[in-house]
N, C-alpha and C. Protein backbone atom coordinates (compact mmCIF):
# COMPACT_ATOMS: atom_id res chain seq x y z
N UNK A 1 20.22 178.79 6.15
CA UNK A 1 20.03 179.25 4.95
C UNK A 1 21.68 179.13 4.18
N UNK A 2 21.81 178.54 3.30
CA UNK A 2 22.90 178.36 2.34
C UNK A 2 22.91 179.56 1.39
N UNK A 3 24.34 180.15 1.41
CA UNK A 3 24.68 181.22 0.15
C UNK A 3 24.76 180.43 -1.06
N UNK A 4 24.01 181.28 -2.05
CA UNK A 4 24.22 180.65 -3.43
C UNK A 4 25.90 180.84 -4.04
N UNK A 5 26.34 180.07 -4.59
CA UNK A 5 27.51 179.89 -5.29
C UNK A 5 27.78 181.10 -6.60
N UNK A 6 28.72 181.75 -6.26
CA UNK A 6 29.01 182.76 -7.27
C UNK A 6 29.14 182.11 -8.35
N UNK A 7 28.41 182.96 -9.43
CA UNK A 7 28.71 182.30 -10.83
C UNK A 7 29.88 183.42 -11.57
N UNK A 8 30.81 182.83 -12.24
CA UNK A 8 31.86 183.10 -12.84
C UNK A 8 31.40 183.90 -14.07
N UNK A 9 31.78 185.45 -14.13
CA UNK A 9 31.03 186.42 -15.22
C UNK A 9 32.46 186.63 -16.23
N UNK A 10 33.57 186.69 -15.40
CA UNK A 10 34.68 187.45 -15.99
C UNK A 10 35.66 186.28 -15.95
N UNK A 11 36.89 186.51 -17.08
CA UNK A 11 38.04 185.52 -17.13
C UNK A 11 39.08 186.64 -17.61
N UNK A 12 40.59 186.21 -17.06
CA UNK A 12 41.26 187.19 -17.36
C UNK A 12 42.76 186.13 -17.62
N UNK A 13 43.39 186.29 -18.75
CA UNK A 13 44.44 185.80 -19.23
C UNK A 13 45.75 186.57 -19.10
N UNK A 14 46.66 186.07 -18.70
CA UNK A 14 47.79 187.26 -18.26
C UNK A 14 48.96 186.41 -19.09
N UNK A 15 49.86 187.36 -19.69
CA UNK A 15 50.88 187.11 -20.17
C UNK A 15 52.11 188.16 -19.72
N UNK A 16 52.58 187.52 -19.06
CA UNK A 16 53.59 188.44 -18.13
C UNK A 16 55.13 188.28 -18.96
N UNK A 17 55.74 189.19 -19.14
CA UNK A 17 57.16 189.30 -19.64
C UNK A 17 58.12 190.12 -19.04
N UNK A 18 58.24 189.81 -17.93
CA UNK A 18 58.88 190.49 -17.06
C UNK A 18 60.52 190.23 -16.85
N UNK A 19 61.39 190.79 -17.32
CA UNK A 19 62.90 190.45 -16.98
C UNK A 19 63.04 191.41 -16.07
N UNK A 20 62.89 192.64 -16.49
CA UNK A 20 62.97 193.63 -15.16
C UNK A 20 62.07 194.91 -15.70
N UNK A 21 61.34 195.26 -14.84
CA UNK A 21 60.19 196.26 -14.88
C UNK A 21 61.11 197.38 -15.54
N UNK A 22 62.37 197.61 -15.14
CA UNK A 22 62.83 198.90 -15.12
C UNK A 22 63.59 198.95 -16.80
N UNK A 23 63.63 197.84 -17.61
CA UNK A 23 63.78 197.67 -19.05
C UNK A 23 62.81 198.07 -19.99
N UNK A 24 63.11 198.66 -20.87
CA UNK A 24 61.78 198.88 -21.88
C UNK A 24 61.84 197.65 -22.61
N UNK A 25 60.34 197.50 -22.88
CA UNK A 25 59.81 196.17 -23.56
C UNK A 25 59.30 195.16 -22.53
N UNK A 26 59.61 195.41 -21.24
CA UNK A 26 58.93 194.41 -20.53
C UNK A 26 57.55 195.08 -20.26
N UNK A 27 56.65 194.17 -20.50
CA UNK A 27 55.43 194.42 -20.03
C UNK A 27 54.34 193.27 -19.38
N UNK A 28 53.42 193.65 -18.95
CA UNK A 28 52.27 192.29 -18.61
C UNK A 28 51.23 192.90 -19.51
N UNK A 29 50.66 191.53 -20.18
CA UNK A 29 49.35 191.79 -20.96
C UNK A 29 48.28 191.21 -20.40
N UNK A 30 47.11 191.47 -20.25
CA UNK A 30 45.95 191.07 -19.78
C UNK A 30 44.67 191.24 -20.46
N UNK A 31 44.36 190.04 -20.98
CA UNK A 31 43.15 189.80 -22.15
C UNK A 31 41.78 189.51 -21.25
N UNK A 32 40.95 190.21 -21.10
CA UNK A 32 40.04 190.44 -20.25
C UNK A 32 38.55 190.01 -21.20
N UNK A 33 37.75 188.71 -20.33
CA UNK A 33 36.59 187.91 -21.24
C UNK A 33 35.41 188.15 -20.45
N UNK A 34 34.35 188.31 -21.27
CA UNK A 34 33.05 188.09 -20.43
C UNK A 34 32.61 186.85 -20.98
N UNK A 35 32.30 185.78 -20.28
CA UNK A 35 32.11 184.48 -21.00
C UNK A 35 33.09 184.21 -21.94
N UNK A 36 32.61 183.96 -23.14
CA UNK A 36 33.57 183.81 -24.52
C UNK A 36 33.84 184.99 -25.28
N UNK A 37 33.27 186.17 -24.99
CA UNK A 37 33.39 187.19 -25.69
C UNK A 37 34.34 188.15 -24.91
N UNK A 38 35.54 188.50 -25.62
CA UNK A 38 36.60 189.32 -25.74
C UNK A 38 36.35 190.81 -25.28
N UNK A 39 36.40 191.38 -24.14
CA UNK A 39 36.15 192.75 -23.60
C UNK A 39 37.16 193.69 -24.22
N UNK A 40 38.37 193.27 -24.13
CA UNK A 40 39.66 194.24 -24.48
C UNK A 40 40.99 193.64 -24.03
N UNK A 41 42.12 194.26 -23.92
CA UNK A 41 43.35 193.91 -23.56
C UNK A 41 43.95 195.02 -22.85
N UNK A 42 44.37 194.97 -21.64
CA UNK A 42 45.19 195.89 -20.75
C UNK A 42 46.73 195.42 -21.05
N UNK A 43 47.67 196.51 -21.26
CA UNK A 43 49.07 196.40 -21.45
C UNK A 43 49.70 197.11 -20.36
N UNK A 44 50.31 196.65 -19.15
CA UNK A 44 50.91 197.54 -18.42
C UNK A 44 52.50 197.35 -18.31
N UNK A 45 53.02 198.56 -18.73
CA UNK A 45 54.46 198.62 -18.81
C UNK A 45 54.72 199.87 -17.74
N UNK A 46 56.25 199.70 -18.01
CA UNK A 46 57.17 200.74 -16.82
C UNK A 46 56.42 202.09 -16.96
N UNK A 47 56.18 202.60 -17.97
CA UNK A 47 55.89 204.10 -18.20
C UNK A 47 53.99 204.36 -18.54
N UNK A 48 53.65 203.40 -18.51
CA UNK A 48 52.19 203.50 -18.96
C UNK A 48 51.39 202.41 -18.84
N UNK A 49 49.90 202.64 -19.04
CA UNK A 49 48.91 201.70 -19.10
C UNK A 49 48.25 202.09 -20.26
N UNK A 50 47.98 200.72 -21.03
CA UNK A 50 47.20 200.74 -22.40
C UNK A 50 46.19 200.18 -22.47
N UNK A 51 45.00 200.34 -23.10
CA UNK A 51 44.02 199.99 -23.31
C UNK A 51 43.65 199.76 -24.59
N UNK A 52 43.25 198.16 -25.02
CA UNK A 52 43.00 198.07 -26.44
C UNK A 52 41.39 197.48 -26.52
N UNK A 53 40.66 198.19 -26.86
CA UNK A 53 39.01 198.07 -26.51
C UNK A 53 38.91 196.51 -27.46
N UNK A 54 37.59 196.15 -27.56
CA UNK A 54 37.44 194.84 -28.26
C UNK A 54 37.39 195.13 -29.69
N UNK A 55 38.00 194.46 -30.47
CA UNK A 55 38.44 194.30 -31.81
C UNK A 55 39.21 195.38 -32.28
N UNK A 56 39.85 196.24 -31.40
CA UNK A 56 40.65 197.59 -31.80
C UNK A 56 42.01 197.13 -32.12
N UNK A 57 42.40 197.79 -32.91
CA UNK A 57 44.15 197.66 -33.39
C UNK A 57 45.06 198.64 -32.78
N UNK A 58 44.47 200.11 -32.23
CA UNK A 58 44.99 200.77 -31.73
C UNK A 58 44.58 201.02 -30.30
N UNK A 59 45.63 201.09 -29.42
CA UNK A 59 45.18 201.44 -27.96
C UNK A 59 45.35 202.69 -27.62
N UNK A 60 44.69 203.03 -26.59
CA UNK A 60 44.79 204.27 -25.81
C UNK A 60 45.67 204.28 -24.50
N UNK A 61 46.99 205.05 -24.97
CA UNK A 61 47.97 204.76 -23.74
C UNK A 61 47.50 205.97 -22.73
N UNK A 62 47.77 205.58 -21.35
CA UNK A 62 47.39 206.57 -20.48
C UNK A 62 48.69 206.50 -19.38
N UNK A 63 49.19 207.77 -19.41
CA UNK A 63 50.18 207.78 -18.06
C UNK A 63 49.76 207.35 -16.76
N UNK A 64 50.75 206.76 -16.00
CA UNK A 64 50.27 206.22 -14.74
C UNK A 64 49.52 207.54 -13.80
N UNK A 65 50.31 208.78 -14.01
CA UNK A 65 49.44 209.73 -13.12
C UNK A 65 48.04 210.22 -13.57
N UNK A 66 47.71 210.16 -15.01
CA UNK A 66 46.49 210.08 -15.35
C UNK A 66 45.63 209.07 -15.17
N UNK A 67 46.24 207.84 -15.29
CA UNK A 67 45.21 206.59 -14.58
C UNK A 67 45.01 206.81 -13.30
N UNK A 68 45.77 207.23 -12.39
CA UNK A 68 45.56 207.71 -10.85
C UNK A 68 44.20 208.69 -10.92
N UNK A 69 44.20 209.41 -11.74
CA UNK A 69 43.31 210.63 -11.64
C UNK A 69 42.08 209.96 -12.17
N UNK A 70 41.98 209.04 -13.15
CA UNK A 70 40.89 208.56 -13.57
C UNK A 70 40.30 207.36 -12.42
N UNK A 71 41.19 206.72 -11.55
CA UNK A 71 40.69 205.94 -10.71
C UNK A 71 39.91 206.63 -9.63
N UNK A 72 40.52 207.85 -9.07
CA UNK A 72 40.12 208.51 -8.06
C UNK A 72 38.75 209.30 -8.47
N UNK A 73 38.36 209.55 -9.71
CA UNK A 73 37.25 210.31 -10.05
C UNK A 73 36.28 209.13 -10.11
N UNK A 74 36.71 207.83 -10.62
CA UNK A 74 35.21 207.06 -10.90
C UNK A 74 35.10 206.33 -9.39
N UNK A 75 36.28 206.28 -8.41
CA UNK A 75 36.14 205.17 -7.17
C UNK A 75 35.30 206.30 -6.06
N UNK A 76 35.82 207.62 -6.50
CA UNK A 76 35.77 208.83 -5.14
C UNK A 76 34.93 209.90 -5.42
N UNK A 77 34.34 209.89 -6.89
CA UNK A 77 33.48 211.09 -7.34
C UNK A 77 34.47 212.68 -6.64
N UNK A 78 35.47 212.50 -6.95
CA UNK A 78 36.14 213.82 -6.74
C UNK A 78 36.26 214.92 -7.82
């Protein structure tokens, strides 16, 4: 019996501007799509993680410590 081929649901476009991650202004931007619909943008910088939701002009900035707490709560139900 053959396995069904996985259907691609999400696409991520990356814009990486890394001269040195230790310098201000260097960041990685990821645009996330579901089909042709844009879900949002993640900007990963030296000091934080920023999420811009679909159509939002103001992002939600989260420190790396807070991001780790959120992921632990989500993944491990602590």
